[in-house]
């Protein structure tokens, strides 16, 4: 299957800056967000696709690996240094070599495969070395938790390396040392710039020959267990964001690397707050006299702070007052969006004649604090 181009997914050029990548993602996210397209499976899949592309291209380190190695470079357990060394050595050797020239390898693909545990052990019950699978879980949080960030615990069922056989899948009790590696489990292969150590092909890195399937895991090398994890959700996440928990995915086999856990976040709407990208919108109740005469008002913000806002004289209902830097934190990079307060003029619930009186008496007839419900 042809590998998808993440730059094409977001509709940006390879030379695009991180800010351009981020802007392209936000534009597409607003279009395909599940909350905008309820029940549309195609839109949801498209949203997942652009979220994955943004997770990689929006991270400078991951982007460099992707540009150099493709999707393989951003997979769990990928060893970039080993891949570069093998590639450079192979190029310096002039392309394909015989098995004698590459210490038992026919070509570069065999070397590359062995670096990532693709070749299995011979003459043993051991599981071939392989990395664990990445797992995915979902977590629903409140919008305020997305604004401020949070720590929580989740329970997952995951495969973990068998403690009886250390993930090898083999019971080695009574098994003799490997005749090829002398019980070391590793051998040196290749020559010149391509020379490196790898797991012994005879014993799969176990250092012993033979053995029998592990009785605790049935030779699988892993057992299924329920685990409770503490995870930190960063401020700024949105529905579709993925939070990576390194090493908490599927168990590795035969000495490989465990997979990662990706938590896909869904953010619940808030009764008082509307989110548009990284900007937040909140209705600000004001009295008639405050709207006519102007006022300085202390207002709580979704990020937990309190700010003083100046309402200009003769302010009309629907006017937006901008509070810089009190919106949603930018998920990739520093800074925050802005908070917009939409003025909502409240008319007294009783004493209608007060509306025609002087501005100083217009607030007569209000029942309690007009901004009493504005709490976060």
Protein backbone atom coordinates (compact mmCIF):
# COMPACT_ATOMS: atom_id res chain seq x y z
CA UNK A 1 0.00 0.00 0.00
CA UNK A 2 1.35 3.41 -0.92
CA UNK A 3 2.21 5.55 2.09
CA UNK A 4 0.13 8.68 2.44
CA UNK A 5 1.82 12.07 2.24
CA UNK A 6 1.08 14.03 5.43
CA UNK A 7 1.84 17.32 3.70
CA UNK A 8 -0.87 16.54 1.14
CA UNK A 9 -3.24 15.60 3.95
CA UNK A 10 -2.96 19.14 5.33
CA UNK A 11 -2.62 20.77 1.89
CA UNK A 12 0.74 22.42 2.63
CA UNK A 13 4.14 22.42 0.96
CA UNK A 14 7.14 20.60 2.43
CA UNK A 15 8.81 23.97 2.84
CA UNK A 16 5.91 25.33 4.94
CA UNK A 17 6.73 26.73 8.36
CA UNK A 18 5.35 25.27 11.59
CA UNK A 19 2.95 28.21 11.85
CA UNK A 20 1.67 27.53 8.32
CA UNK A 21 1.16 23.87 9.19
CA UNK A 22 -0.73 24.89 12.32
CA UNK A 23 -2.96 27.34 10.45
CA UNK A 24 -3.78 24.75 7.79
CA UNK A 25 -4.73 22.25 10.51
CA UNK A 26 -6.99 24.73 12.30
CA UNK A 27 -8.79 25.58 9.07
CA UNK A 28 -9.42 21.92 8.25
CA UNK A 29 -10.26 21.07 11.87
CA UNK A 30 -13.04 23.67 11.93
CA UNK A 31 -14.47 22.16 8.73
CA UNK A 32 -14.32 18.48 9.71
CA UNK A 33 -14.72 18.68 13.49
CA UNK A 34 -17.14 15.96 14.76
CA UNK A 35 -19.20 18.57 16.60
CA UNK A 36 -19.78 20.38 13.28
CA UNK A 37 -20.55 17.13 11.43
CA UNK A 38 -22.57 14.97 13.86
CA UNK A 39 -23.11 11.44 12.54
CA UNK A 40 -20.85 11.98 9.52
CA UNK A 41 -18.39 9.06 9.62
CA UNK A 42 -16.44 10.31 6.60
CA UNK A 43 -15.87 13.69 8.25
CA UNK A 44 -14.78 12.00 11.48
CA UNK A 45 -12.23 9.85 9.62
CA UNK A 46 -10.96 12.93 7.80
CA UNK A 47 -10.63 14.73 11.15
CA UNK A 48 -8.60 11.84 12.56
CA UNK A 49 -6.37 11.90 9.47
CA UNK A 50 -5.61 15.63 9.70
CA UNK A 51 -5.11 15.34 13.48
CA UNK A 52 -2.49 12.62 12.96
CA UNK A 53 -0.77 14.72 10.29
CA UNK A 54 -0.72 17.73 12.62
CA UNK A 55 0.63 15.66 15.52
CA UNK A 56 3.65 14.77 13.38
CA UNK A 57 4.25 17.85 11.22
CA UNK A 58 3.46 20.25 14.07
CA UNK A 59 6.26 18.72 16.16
CA UNK A 60 9.70 19.73 14.87
CA UNK A 61 11.47 16.56 16.03
CA UNK A 62 8.84 14.22 14.61
CA UNK A 63 8.74 16.23 11.39
CA UNK A 64 12.49 15.80 10.87
CA UNK A 65 12.19 12.04 11.33
CA UNK A 66 9.20 11.88 8.99
CA UNK A 67 11.01 13.90 6.31
CA UNK A 68 13.99 11.55 6.53
CA UNK A 69 12.38 8.15 6.97
CA UNK A 70 8.66 8.53 6.26
CA UNK A 71 6.06 7.06 8.63
CA UNK A 72 8.57 4.43 9.81
CA UNK A 73 10.58 7.22 11.42
CA UNK A 74 7.78 8.21 13.81
CA UNK A 75 6.88 4.71 14.93
CA UNK A 76 7.61 3.53 18.46
CA UNK A 77 11.06 1.96 18.86
CA UNK A 78 12.53 3.38 15.66
CA UNK A 79 16.33 3.77 15.96
CA UNK A 80 17.29 6.66 13.70
CA UNK A 81 21.02 6.39 14.41
CA UNK A 82 21.10 2.70 13.51
CA UNK A 83 19.11 3.35 10.36
CA UNK A 84 21.46 6.13 9.28
CA UNK A 85 24.55 4.03 9.99
CA UNK A 86 23.20 1.11 8.00
CA UNK A 87 22.16 3.36 5.13
CA UNK A 88 25.50 5.14 4.97
CA UNK A 89 27.44 1.92 5.22
CA UNK A 90 25.41 0.29 2.49
CA UNK A 91 25.80 3.31 0.21
CA UNK A 92 29.56 3.33 0.81
CA UNK A 93 29.78 -0.35 0.00
CA UNK A 94 28.36 0.32 -3.43
CA UNK A 95 24.93 -1.23 -3.25
CA UNK A 96 24.04 -4.92 -3.09
CA UNK A 97 26.68 -7.30 -1.74
CA UNK A 98 26.99 -11.04 -1.44
CA UNK A 99 26.22 -12.82 1.79
CA UNK A 100 29.95 -13.04 2.58
CA UNK A 101 30.35 -9.29 2.18
CA UNK A 102 27.48 -8.52 4.58
CA UNK A 103 28.02 -11.23 7.16
CA UNK A 104 25.06 -13.39 6.13
CA UNK A 105 22.89 -10.63 4.62
CA UNK A 106 22.02 -10.60 0.96
CA UNK A 107 21.21 -6.90 0.67
CA UNK A 108 20.49 -3.68 2.51
CA UNK A 109 16.84 -4.64 3.12
CA UNK A 110 18.00 -7.61 5.21
CA UNK A 111 20.24 -5.37 7.30
CA UNK A 112 17.51 -2.77 7.72
CA UNK A 113 15.03 -5.46 8.72
CA UNK A 114 17.34 -6.88 11.34
CA UNK A 115 17.91 -3.46 12.92
CA UNK A 116 14.17 -3.24 13.63
CA UNK A 117 13.77 -6.84 14.76
CA UNK A 118 12.18 -8.14 11.55
CA UNK A 119 14.27 -11.33 11.39
CA UNK A 120 13.37 -14.17 13.73
CA UNK A 121 15.48 -16.65 15.68
CA UNK A 122 16.31 -20.03 14.24
CA UNK A 123 16.41 -23.33 16.11
CA UNK A 124 14.50 -22.04 19.15
CA UNK A 125 10.97 -21.56 20.43
CA UNK A 126 11.67 -17.88 21.06
CA UNK A 127 9.34 -15.23 19.70
CA UNK A 128 11.00 -13.25 16.87
CA UNK A 129 12.04 -9.79 18.11
CA UNK A 130 9.25 -7.30 17.44
CA UNK A 131 8.04 -4.01 18.82
CA UNK A 132 4.73 -3.77 20.64
CA UNK A 133 1.70 -2.30 18.93
CA UNK A 134 0.53 1.23 19.62
CA UNK A 135 -2.78 1.35 21.47
CA UNK A 136 -5.49 3.99 21.46
CA UNK A 137 -7.94 5.02 24.15
CA UNK A 138 -10.56 7.77 24.39
CA UNK A 139 -11.04 10.31 27.16
CA UNK A 140 -13.82 12.90 27.48
CA UNK A 141 -12.99 16.06 29.43
CA UNK A 142 -14.64 19.40 30.23
CA UNK A 143 -13.76 22.51 28.26
CA UNK A 144 -12.34 24.13 31.41
CA UNK A 145 -9.98 21.16 31.79
CA UNK A 146 -8.87 21.74 28.20
CA UNK A 147 -8.23 25.42 29.01
CA UNK A 148 -6.22 24.75 32.17
CA UNK A 149 -4.78 21.28 31.58
CA UNK A 150 -5.34 18.39 33.94
CA UNK A 151 -3.97 15.20 35.43
CA UNK A 152 -6.18 12.16 35.68
CA UNK A 153 -6.12 8.38 35.86
CA UNK A 154 -7.39 5.94 33.27
CA UNK A 155 -7.70 2.18 33.26
CA UNK A 156 -6.64 0.15 30.23
CA UNK A 157 -6.27 -3.51 29.33
CA UNK A 158 -2.86 -4.03 27.76
CA UNK A 159 -0.45 -6.79 26.90
CA UNK A 160 2.61 -6.74 29.17
CA UNK A 161 5.81 -8.72 28.91
CA UNK A 162 5.53 -12.03 30.74
CA UNK A 163 7.44 -11.79 34.02
CA UNK A 164 8.21 -15.51 34.04
CA UNK A 165 10.14 -15.56 30.75
CA UNK A 166 10.96 -11.81 30.50
CA UNK A 167 8.95 -11.59 27.32
CA UNK A 168 10.90 -14.24 25.40
CA UNK A 169 8.08 -16.78 25.39
CA UNK A 170 10.64 -19.50 26.22
CA UNK A 171 11.35 -21.58 29.30
CA UNK A 172 15.14 -21.91 29.22
CA UNK A 173 15.58 -23.96 32.36
CA UNK A 174 18.13 -26.67 31.56
CA UNK A 175 18.82 -25.37 28.04
CA UNK A 176 22.53 -25.38 27.03
CA UNK A 177 24.42 -22.21 26.01
CA UNK A 178 24.11 -21.25 22.35
CA UNK A 179 26.94 -22.77 20.32
CA UNK A 180 27.10 -19.81 17.93
CA UNK A 181 27.34 -16.89 20.37
CA UNK A 182 28.71 -18.77 23.38
CA UNK A 183 25.80 -17.67 25.54
CA UNK A 184 26.29 -13.93 24.88
CA UNK A 185 23.11 -13.55 22.85
CA UNK A 186 24.75 -11.15 20.37
CA UNK A 187 27.16 -11.53 17.46
CA UNK A 188 29.09 -9.07 15.30
CA UNK A 189 28.16 -9.08 11.62
CA UNK A 190 29.28 -7.24 8.52
CA UNK A 191 32.59 -5.61 7.82
CA UNK A 192 34.04 -2.14 7.58
CA UNK A 193 31.49 0.68 8.00
CA UNK A 194 28.59 -1.81 8.05
CA UNK A 195 29.91 -3.80 11.00
CA UNK A 196 27.58 -3.82 14.02
CA UNK A 197 26.26 -6.07 16.77
CA UNK A 198 22.92 -7.81 16.45
CA UNK A 199 20.93 -10.52 18.18
CA UNK A 200 22.34 -13.96 17.57
CA UNK A 201 20.33 -15.53 14.72
CA UNK A 202 20.65 -19.00 16.24
CA UNK A 203 19.15 -18.28 19.65
CA UNK A 204 17.27 -15.04 18.98
CA UNK A 205 19.38 -13.17 21.55
CA UNK A 206 18.52 -15.54 24.40
CA UNK A 207 22.03 -16.96 24.76
CA UNK A 208 20.71 -20.53 24.99
CA UNK A 209 19.52 -23.06 22.49
CA UNK A 210 16.36 -25.10 22.56
CA UNK A 211 14.05 -24.58 25.49
CA UNK A 212 10.31 -25.01 25.48
CA UNK A 213 7.30 -22.65 25.37
CA UNK A 214 6.82 -20.71 28.59
CA UNK A 215 4.04 -22.25 30.67
CA UNK A 216 2.89 -18.90 32.09
CA UNK A 217 2.18 -17.21 28.75
CA UNK A 218 1.91 -20.22 26.44
CA UNK A 219 4.91 -19.03 24.44
CA UNK A 220 3.32 -15.70 23.55
CA UNK A 221 5.80 -13.67 25.59
CA UNK A 222 3.05 -11.47 27.01
CA UNK A 223 0.03 -11.60 29.28
CA UNK A 224 -3.04 -9.35 29.39
CA UNK A 225 -3.40 -7.21 32.49
CA UNK A 226 -5.55 -4.32 33.67
CA UNK A 227 -3.42 -1.29 34.47
CA UNK A 228 -4.30 2.10 35.91
CA UNK A 229 -2.23 4.94 34.51
CA UNK A 230 -1.72 8.52 35.61
CA UNK A 231 -1.76 10.76 32.54
CA UNK A 232 -1.31 14.49 32.05
CA UNK A 233 -3.56 16.22 29.53
CA UNK A 234 -1.87 19.42 28.33
CA UNK A 235 -3.74 22.72 28.21
CA UNK A 236 -4.99 23.57 24.74
CA UNK A 237 -6.25 20.15 23.59
CA UNK A 238 -9.33 19.96 21.41
CA UNK A 239 -11.61 17.17 20.27
CA UNK A 240 -9.45 14.85 18.16
CA UNK A 241 -6.16 15.76 19.87
CA UNK A 242 -3.98 12.77 20.70
CA UNK A 243 -1.87 12.60 23.85
CA UNK A 244 1.05 10.15 23.74
CA UNK A 245 2.01 8.05 26.76
CA UNK A 246 5.35 6.51 25.84
CA UNK A 247 5.89 2.81 26.47
CA UNK A 248 2.35 2.07 27.63
CA UNK A 249 1.12 0.36 24.48
CA UNK A 250 1.30 -3.31 23.57
CA UNK A 251 4.09 -5.49 24.97
CA UNK A 252 7.22 -6.14 22.92
CA UNK A 253 8.29 -9.61 21.85
CA UNK A 254 11.76 -11.05 22.10
CA UNK A 255 13.50 -7.90 23.33
CA UNK A 256 11.77 -5.31 21.13
CA UNK A 257 10.41 -1.95 22.28
CA UNK A 258 6.92 -1.66 23.85
CA UNK A 259 4.37 0.34 21.91
CA UNK A 260 2.92 3.69 22.93
CA UNK A 261 -0.55 4.56 24.18
CA UNK A 262 -2.36 7.38 22.36
CA UNK A 263 -5.25 8.99 24.20
CA UNK A 264 -7.73 10.59 21.82
CA UNK A 265 -9.46 13.49 23.55
CA UNK A 266 -13.07 14.60 23.23
CA UNK A 267 -13.94 17.97 24.77
CA UNK A 268 -17.47 18.52 26.10
CA UNK A 269 -19.14 21.86 25.26
CA UNK A 270 -19.55 24.39 28.08
CA UNK A 271 -22.77 26.22 28.92
CA UNK A 272 -21.11 29.65 29.18
CA UNK A 273 -18.06 29.38 26.92
CA UNK A 274 -17.84 29.08 23.14
CA UNK A 275 -14.55 27.97 21.59
CA UNK A 276 -13.41 29.08 18.14
CA UNK A 277 -9.95 27.71 17.51
CA UNK A 278 -7.85 29.10 20.34
CA UNK A 279 -10.18 32.05 21.04
CA UNK A 280 -12.93 31.88 23.67
CA UNK A 281 -16.23 33.78 23.70
CA UNK A 282 -18.27 34.53 26.82
CA UNK A 283 -21.41 36.63 27.31
CA UNK A 284 -20.82 39.48 29.77
CA UNK A 285 -24.00 40.68 31.54
CA UNK A 286 -24.04 44.41 32.29
CA UNK A 287 -26.72 46.63 33.74
CA UNK A 288 -28.40 49.39 31.78
CA UNK A 289 -26.56 52.10 33.71
CA UNK A 290 -23.19 50.38 33.08
CA UNK A 291 -23.94 50.24 29.37
CA UNK A 292 -25.04 53.91 29.23
CA UNK A 293 -22.52 55.52 31.58
CA UNK A 294 -19.63 53.09 31.19
CA UNK A 295 -18.03 51.08 33.95
CA UNK A 296 -14.91 49.26 35.10
CA UNK A 297 -15.89 45.65 35.80
CA UNK A 298 -13.90 42.80 37.37
CA UNK A 299 -14.57 39.62 35.39
CA UNK A 300 -13.50 36.00 36.07
CA UNK A 301 -11.86 34.29 33.08
CA UNK A 302 -11.93 30.60 32.04
CA UNK A 303 -8.22 30.23 32.78
CA UNK A 304 -8.86 30.97 36.47
CA UNK A 305 -7.70 34.58 36.54
CA UNK A 306 -9.65 37.78 37.16
CA UNK A 307 -9.34 40.80 34.88
CA UNK A 308 -10.74 44.30 35.02
CA UNK A 309 -12.57 45.30 31.85
CA UNK A 310 -13.56 48.82 30.82
CA UNK A 311 -17.08 49.06 29.38
CA UNK A 312 -17.16 52.31 27.34
CA UNK A 313 -20.14 54.70 27.71
CA UNK A 314 -23.11 54.03 25.39
CA UNK A 315 -22.00 50.45 24.78
CA UNK A 316 -24.52 48.52 22.70
CA UNK A 317 -25.61 44.97 23.37
CA UNK A 318 -23.53 42.52 21.32
CA UNK A 319 -20.38 44.63 21.47
CA UNK A 320 -17.29 42.44 21.87
CA UNK A 321 -14.59 43.42 24.35
CA UNK A 322 -11.25 41.76 23.66
CA UNK A 323 -9.07 40.50 26.52
CA UNK A 324 -5.71 39.50 25.06
CA UNK A 325 -3.98 36.33 26.17
CA UNK A 326 -6.80 34.82 28.22
CA UNK A 327 -8.08 32.37 25.61
CA UNK A 328 -7.03 28.80 24.92
CA UNK A 329 -3.28 27.99 25.24
CA UNK A 330 -1.63 27.11 21.92
CA UNK A 331 -1.11 23.35 21.98
CA UNK A 332 2.05 23.55 19.88
CA UNK A 333 4.26 26.43 20.94
CA UNK A 334 3.85 29.22 23.47
CA UNK A 335 1.19 31.88 23.82
CA UNK A 336 -2.57 31.82 24.08
CA UNK A 337 -5.61 32.88 22.14
CA UNK A 338 -7.83 35.76 23.23
CA UNK A 339 -10.99 36.02 25.30
CA UNK A 340 -13.91 37.93 23.78
CA UNK A 341 -16.60 39.25 26.12
CA UNK A 342 -19.91 39.81 24.35
CA UNK A 343 -21.86 42.54 26.11
CA UNK A 344 -25.38 41.49 27.09
CA UNK A 345 -27.43 44.37 28.53
CA UNK A 346 -29.86 43.17 31.21
CA UNK A 347 -33.14 45.02 31.75
CA UNK A 348 -34.50 45.13 35.34
CA UNK A 349 -37.00 42.40 36.04
CA UNK A 350 -39.29 44.83 37.91
CA UNK A 351 -39.87 48.53 38.15
CA UNK A 352 -40.27 49.20 34.43
CA UNK A 353 -40.63 52.91 35.10
CA UNK A 354 -36.97 52.96 36.10
CA UNK A 355 -35.98 52.65 32.45
CA UNK A 356 -37.06 56.21 31.86
CA UNK A 357 -35.32 57.61 34.95
CA UNK A 358 -31.77 58.96 35.15
CA UNK A 359 -28.89 56.58 34.52
CA UNK A 360 -27.96 56.58 38.20
CA UNK A 361 -31.31 55.02 39.12
CA UNK A 362 -31.64 52.58 36.22
CA UNK A 363 -30.32 49.68 38.28
CA UNK A 364 -33.31 49.76 40.64
CA UNK A 365 -35.38 46.62 40.35
CA UNK A 366 -32.59 44.10 39.68
CA UNK A 367 -32.89 40.85 41.54
CA UNK A 368 -29.41 40.22 43.01
CA UNK A 369 -26.05 40.31 41.22
CA UNK A 370 -26.49 40.60 37.46
CA UNK A 371 -23.19 38.69 36.96
CA UNK A 372 -23.83 36.18 39.70
CA UNK A 373 -23.90 33.24 37.29
CA UNK A 374 -20.63 34.20 35.58
CA UNK A 375 -18.37 31.76 37.41
CA UNK A 376 -15.78 29.32 36.08
